[in-house]
């Protein structure tokens, strides 16, 4: 998969600074109208506060960036309108959950979510709960998203020290390997059992990726780039 640079770093330096987003101010009325239309189709959407990034720099083993607070409606309009402001990016953590047999476990987003039908690692745009001492705690964000989406806690896997940062234009996916002692099928059964106990789970299904042949068009291209670099051409023995 060409076109998606992957930077491996060991440190994330993501400072939160006060900043007013000119895009959100200039297009406020159109943003509110767009979000109202989305809510008519998907009433569960909530206009909470999220964190987006500016000025990304990869320097040796560290990724530096400035983050700022905005509303979800502005973020989703920016996304849906093709990322018209190229000065900001969505820098989010992803938990690359992998079984002991090498199979990656990904979730298919449920119909009531903003990314319905797409297949992802547990992930989420960081929000105000992820701020620690003036910085974005992506490790904490990943742990929270994994727990919310799969029911797995930090005691259920070993998190790698390194981060693989996949750059896809206005998106920077900060991926961290999470190694489970369960094999892929056992991991899927455990997550599916947790989903069955939830009234409105974020995930509709669990997909195992054992080889590049398992990657489908429902997997976003930047994630396909990561998986292509990690998985064999044929099935895992």
Protein backbone atom coordinates (compact mmCIF):
# COMPACT_ATOMS: atom_id res chain seq x y z
CA UNK A 1 0.00 0.00 0.00
CA UNK A 2 1.80 3.09 -1.26
CA UNK A 3 1.07 6.61 -0.09
CA UNK A 4 0.72 5.98 3.64
CA UNK A 5 4.01 6.61 5.47
CA UNK A 6 4.34 4.70 8.74
CA UNK A 7 6.56 6.25 11.42
CA UNK A 8 7.56 4.15 14.40
CA UNK A 9 8.06 6.22 17.55
CA UNK A 10 8.36 5.51 21.25
CA UNK A 11 7.10 8.83 22.60
CA UNK A 12 4.05 10.99 21.94
CA UNK A 13 4.36 14.69 22.86
CA UNK A 14 0.85 16.02 22.22
CA UNK A 15 0.28 19.33 23.97
CA UNK A 16 -3.20 20.84 24.37
CA UNK A 17 -3.29 24.59 23.71
CA UNK A 18 -6.17 27.12 23.52
CA UNK A 19 -7.02 27.89 19.89
CA UNK A 20 -10.16 28.95 18.00
CA UNK A 21 -10.66 26.97 14.80
CA UNK A 22 -11.37 29.46 11.97
CA UNK A 23 -13.22 26.79 9.96
CA UNK A 24 -15.67 26.15 12.82
CA UNK A 25 -16.29 29.86 13.29
CA UNK A 26 -16.67 30.81 9.64
CA UNK A 27 -19.05 27.95 8.76
CA UNK A 28 -21.02 27.70 11.98
CA UNK A 29 -24.50 27.87 10.45
CA UNK A 30 -23.73 25.27 7.78
CA UNK A 31 -22.11 23.00 10.36
CA UNK A 32 -25.14 23.16 12.65
CA UNK A 33 -27.48 22.43 9.74
CA UNK A 34 -25.37 19.48 8.63
CA UNK A 35 -25.29 18.01 12.11
CA UNK A 36 -29.04 18.44 12.52
CA UNK A 37 -29.51 16.40 9.36
CA UNK A 38 -27.21 13.67 10.67
CA UNK A 39 -29.14 13.53 13.93
CA UNK A 40 -32.43 13.11 12.14
CA UNK A 41 -31.01 9.92 10.59
CA UNK A 42 -28.99 8.81 13.62
CA UNK A 43 -30.46 10.30 16.83
CA UNK A 44 -27.76 8.69 18.98
CA UNK A 45 -25.12 11.13 17.70
CA UNK A 46 -24.03 13.55 20.42
CA UNK A 47 -22.33 16.89 19.93
CA UNK A 48 -19.64 16.48 22.55
CA UNK A 49 -16.17 18.01 22.68
CA UNK A 50 -13.24 16.43 20.84
CA UNK A 51 -9.56 17.15 20.29
CA UNK A 52 -7.95 17.70 16.88
CA UNK A 53 -4.31 18.35 16.07
CA UNK A 54 -2.08 20.93 14.37
CA UNK A 55 1.60 21.19 13.42
CA UNK A 56 2.58 17.49 13.39
CA UNK A 57 6.32 16.80 13.53
CA UNK A 58 8.15 13.47 13.60
CA UNK A 59 11.52 13.99 15.27
CA UNK A 60 13.56 10.85 15.84
CA UNK A 61 11.62 8.58 18.19
CA UNK A 62 9.06 11.28 19.14
CA UNK A 63 5.86 12.55 17.53
CA UNK A 64 5.11 16.18 18.43
CA UNK A 65 1.83 18.04 17.81
CA UNK A 66 -0.45 20.73 19.22
CA UNK A 67 -4.06 19.73 19.98
CA UNK A 68 -7.09 21.96 20.40
CA UNK A 69 -10.68 21.55 21.56
CA UNK A 70 -13.67 21.72 19.21
CA UNK A 71 -17.20 20.34 18.95
CA UNK A 72 -18.06 17.02 17.33
CA UNK A 73 -20.41 18.74 14.85
CA UNK A 74 -17.53 20.80 13.44
CA UNK A 75 -15.30 17.74 13.29
CA UNK A 76 -17.86 15.58 11.48
CA UNK A 77 -18.68 18.37 8.98
CA UNK A 78 -14.96 18.81 8.27
CA UNK A 79 -14.73 15.06 7.65
CA UNK A 80 -17.89 14.79 5.57
CA UNK A 81 -16.98 17.80 3.42
CA UNK A 82 -13.63 16.30 2.42
CA UNK A 83 -11.32 17.91 5.02
CA UNK A 84 -11.41 21.45 3.58
CA UNK A 85 -9.02 22.86 6.20
CA UNK A 86 -5.67 21.18 5.57
CA UNK A 87 -3.98 22.92 8.52
CA UNK A 88 -5.51 20.50 11.06
CA UNK A 89 -5.55 16.73 11.39
CA UNK A 90 -7.40 14.01 13.27
CA UNK A 91 -4.76 12.22 15.33
CA UNK A 92 -6.34 9.29 17.14
CA UNK A 93 -5.16 6.15 18.93
CA UNK A 94 -5.96 2.61 17.80
CA UNK A 95 -5.51 -0.65 19.71
CA UNK A 96 -4.13 -3.25 17.30
CA UNK A 97 -5.41 -6.27 19.22
CA UNK A 98 -3.64 -9.48 18.21
CA UNK A 99 -4.06 -13.07 19.34
CA UNK A 100 -1.17 -15.35 20.23
CA UNK A 101 -1.59 -17.10 16.86
CA UNK A 102 -0.93 -13.83 15.02
CA UNK A 103 -4.52 -13.05 14.04
CA UNK A 104 -5.64 -9.45 14.42
CA UNK A 105 -9.15 -8.87 15.82
CA UNK A 106 -11.09 -5.97 14.30
CA UNK A 107 -14.62 -4.76 14.93
CA UNK A 108 -17.32 -3.89 12.42
CA UNK A 109 -18.98 -0.63 13.44
CA UNK A 110 -22.70 -0.88 14.21
CA UNK A 111 -25.41 0.86 12.18
CA UNK A 112 -26.01 3.58 14.80
CA UNK A 113 -22.39 4.83 14.74
CA UNK A 114 -20.82 7.55 12.57
CA UNK A 115 -18.73 4.95 10.71
CA UNK A 116 -21.34 2.22 10.22
CA UNK A 117 -20.15 -0.86 8.37
CA UNK A 118 -16.46 -0.04 8.44
CA UNK A 119 -14.03 -2.45 10.05
CA UNK A 120 -11.58 -1.00 12.57
CA UNK A 121 -9.34 -1.63 15.50
CA UNK A 122 -10.84 -0.15 18.66
CA UNK A 123 -10.35 3.60 18.30
CA UNK A 124 -11.79 7.01 18.91
CA UNK A 125 -11.02 10.67 18.36
CA UNK A 126 -9.59 11.89 21.68
CA UNK A 127 -11.77 14.04 23.93
CA UNK A 128 -11.44 16.11 27.08
CA UNK A 129 -11.29 12.99 29.28
CA UNK A 130 -7.98 12.15 27.61
CA UNK A 131 -6.15 15.26 28.80
CA UNK A 132 -3.49 14.61 31.46
CA UNK A 133 -1.29 17.45 32.72
CA UNK A 134 -1.92 19.53 29.63
CA UNK A 135 -1.22 16.74 27.14
CA UNK A 136 -3.29 14.20 25.24
CA UNK A 137 -2.97 10.75 26.80
CA UNK A 138 -3.35 8.55 23.71
CA UNK A 139 -2.37 5.43 25.66
CA UNK A 140 -5.24 6.08 28.06
CA UNK A 141 -7.58 6.81 25.16
CA UNK A 142 -6.72 3.47 23.54
CA UNK A 143 -7.23 1.56 26.79
CA UNK A 144 -10.63 3.22 27.29
CA UNK A 145 -11.81 2.56 23.73
CA UNK A 146 -10.71 -1.08 23.88
CA UNK A 147 -12.59 -1.54 27.17
CA UNK A 148 -15.74 0.17 25.86
CA UNK A 149 -15.83 -1.67 22.54
CA UNK A 150 -14.55 -5.13 23.50
CA UNK A 151 -14.78 -5.45 27.30
CA UNK A 152 -11.04 -6.20 27.53
CA UNK A 153 -9.02 -4.39 30.20
CA UNK A 154 -5.31 -3.66 30.37
CA UNK A 155 -4.89 -6.89 32.35
CA UNK A 156 -6.02 -8.85 29.28
CA UNK A 157 -3.18 -7.85 26.94
CA UNK A 158 0.37 -6.52 26.79
CA UNK A 159 0.75 -3.09 25.20
CA UNK A 160 3.82 -2.48 23.06
CA UNK A 161 6.09 0.43 23.96
CA UNK A 162 6.31 1.63 20.34
CA UNK A 163 3.62 3.35 18.28
CA UNK A 164 3.18 2.96 14.52
CA UNK A 165 1.90 6.30 13.23
CA UNK A 166 0.19 5.91 9.86
CA UNK A 167 -0.08 9.23 8.01
CA UNK A 168 -3.05 9.42 5.63
CA UNK A 169 -3.39 13.10 4.73
CA UNK A 170 -5.71 14.69 7.34
CA UNK A 171 -5.65 11.49 9.43
CA UNK A 172 -2.81 10.24 11.60
CA UNK A 173 -3.60 6.86 13.16
CA UNK A 174 -1.48 6.20 16.26
CA UNK A 175 -1.47 2.41 16.41
CA UNK A 176 -0.27 0.36 19.35
CA UNK A 177 0.10 -3.42 19.32
CA UNK A 178 -1.89 -5.14 22.07
CA UNK A 179 -0.82 -8.77 22.47
CA UNK A 180 -3.33 -11.23 23.95
CA UNK A 181 -2.56 -14.70 25.31
CA UNK A 182 -5.76 -15.95 23.64
CA UNK A 183 -5.74 -17.20 20.07
CA UNK A 184 -7.83 -15.37 17.50
CA UNK A 185 -10.96 -17.53 17.76
CA UNK A 186 -10.98 -17.42 21.56
CA UNK A 187 -10.49 -13.67 21.42
CA UNK A 188 -13.43 -13.30 19.05
CA UNK A 189 -15.67 -15.46 21.26
CA UNK A 190 -14.80 -13.43 24.33
CA UNK A 191 -15.52 -10.11 22.63
CA UNK A 192 -18.74 -11.40 21.08
CA UNK A 193 -19.91 -12.57 24.50
CA UNK A 194 -19.30 -9.07 25.84
CA UNK A 195 -21.20 -7.48 22.93
CA UNK A 196 -24.17 -9.78 23.59
CA UNK A 197 -24.47 -8.32 27.11
CA UNK A 198 -24.67 -4.72 25.85
CA UNK A 199 -27.96 -3.02 25.00
CA UNK A 200 -26.44 -0.88 22.23
CA UNK A 201 -22.93 -2.15 21.38
CA UNK A 202 -20.68 -0.05 19.17
CA UNK A 203 -19.66 -3.17 17.23
CA UNK A 204 -21.88 -5.37 15.08
CA UNK A 205 -19.34 -8.18 14.46
CA UNK A 206 -15.73 -9.23 15.03
CA UNK A 207 -13.47 -10.01 12.06
CA UNK A 208 -10.15 -11.87 12.25
CA UNK A 209 -7.33 -10.89 9.90
CA UNK A 210 -4.84 -13.73 9.49
CA UNK A 211 -3.39 -12.79 6.11
CA UNK A 212 -3.50 -9.99 3.56
CA UNK A 213 -6.25 -11.90 1.77
CA UNK A 214 -8.58 -11.22 4.71
CA UNK A 215 -8.40 -7.45 4.17
CA UNK A 216 -11.67 -6.24 2.62
CA UNK A 217 -12.78 -2.85 1.21
CA UNK A 218 -14.57 -2.22 4.53
CA UNK A 219 -11.13 -1.81 6.14
CA UNK A 220 -10.03 1.84 5.71
CA UNK A 221 -6.98 2.19 3.41
CA UNK A 222 -4.64 3.47 6.13
CA UNK A 223 -5.45 0.44 8.28
CA UNK A 224 -5.03 -1.83 5.26
CA UNK A 225 -1.54 -0.33 4.87
CA UNK A 226 -0.69 -1.22 8.48
CA UNK A 227 -2.08 -4.76 8.15
CA UNK A 228 -0.35 -5.33 4.81
CA UNK A 229 2.97 -4.51 6.46
CA UNK A 230 2.28 -6.94 9.33
CA UNK A 231 0.44 -9.92 7.82
CA UNK A 232 1.68 -12.69 5.52
CA UNK A 233 0.37 -13.08 1.99
CA UNK A 234 -1.22 -16.43 2.76
CA UNK A 235 -2.87 -17.73 5.93
CA UNK A 236 -1.08 -18.02 9.26
CA UNK A 237 0.02 -21.57 9.90
